[in-house]
Amino acid sequence: MPAPTDAWPPAPHFHDDSGAVRFWVQTVDGRHVGASVSRQTLHFRFRAAMGGDDALASYLGHKAEIDAAVLRRLANGSLEPVMLREPDLSAPIKR
């Protein structure tokens, strides 16, 4: 956890050991909830390259959609930290 003098929430970043982008989403009540999405999920959903820098760029380019998926998971009872999977980011069905 960052020291009290560090900015909160921390900036989104690629975590090499887990192979995922870690980020925080603000909920409607103002809390910041930790979440992550793997580089594989970003690759398959958004056609991102498999490198860490590319995964972070893909997250930043699709931040609104990814953050909305975290909020949906929370609304459905998920606990922090939320780990997004491919089905969480599926394209909406067009009718």
Foldseek 3Di string as FASTA:
>chain_A
DDDPVDDPPDDWFQDVVVQWIWDWAADPVGDTFIEIEHLVLLCVLVVFDSDRVRRVVSCVVCVVLVSVLCRVVVVVPDDGPYYDDNVSRDDDDDD
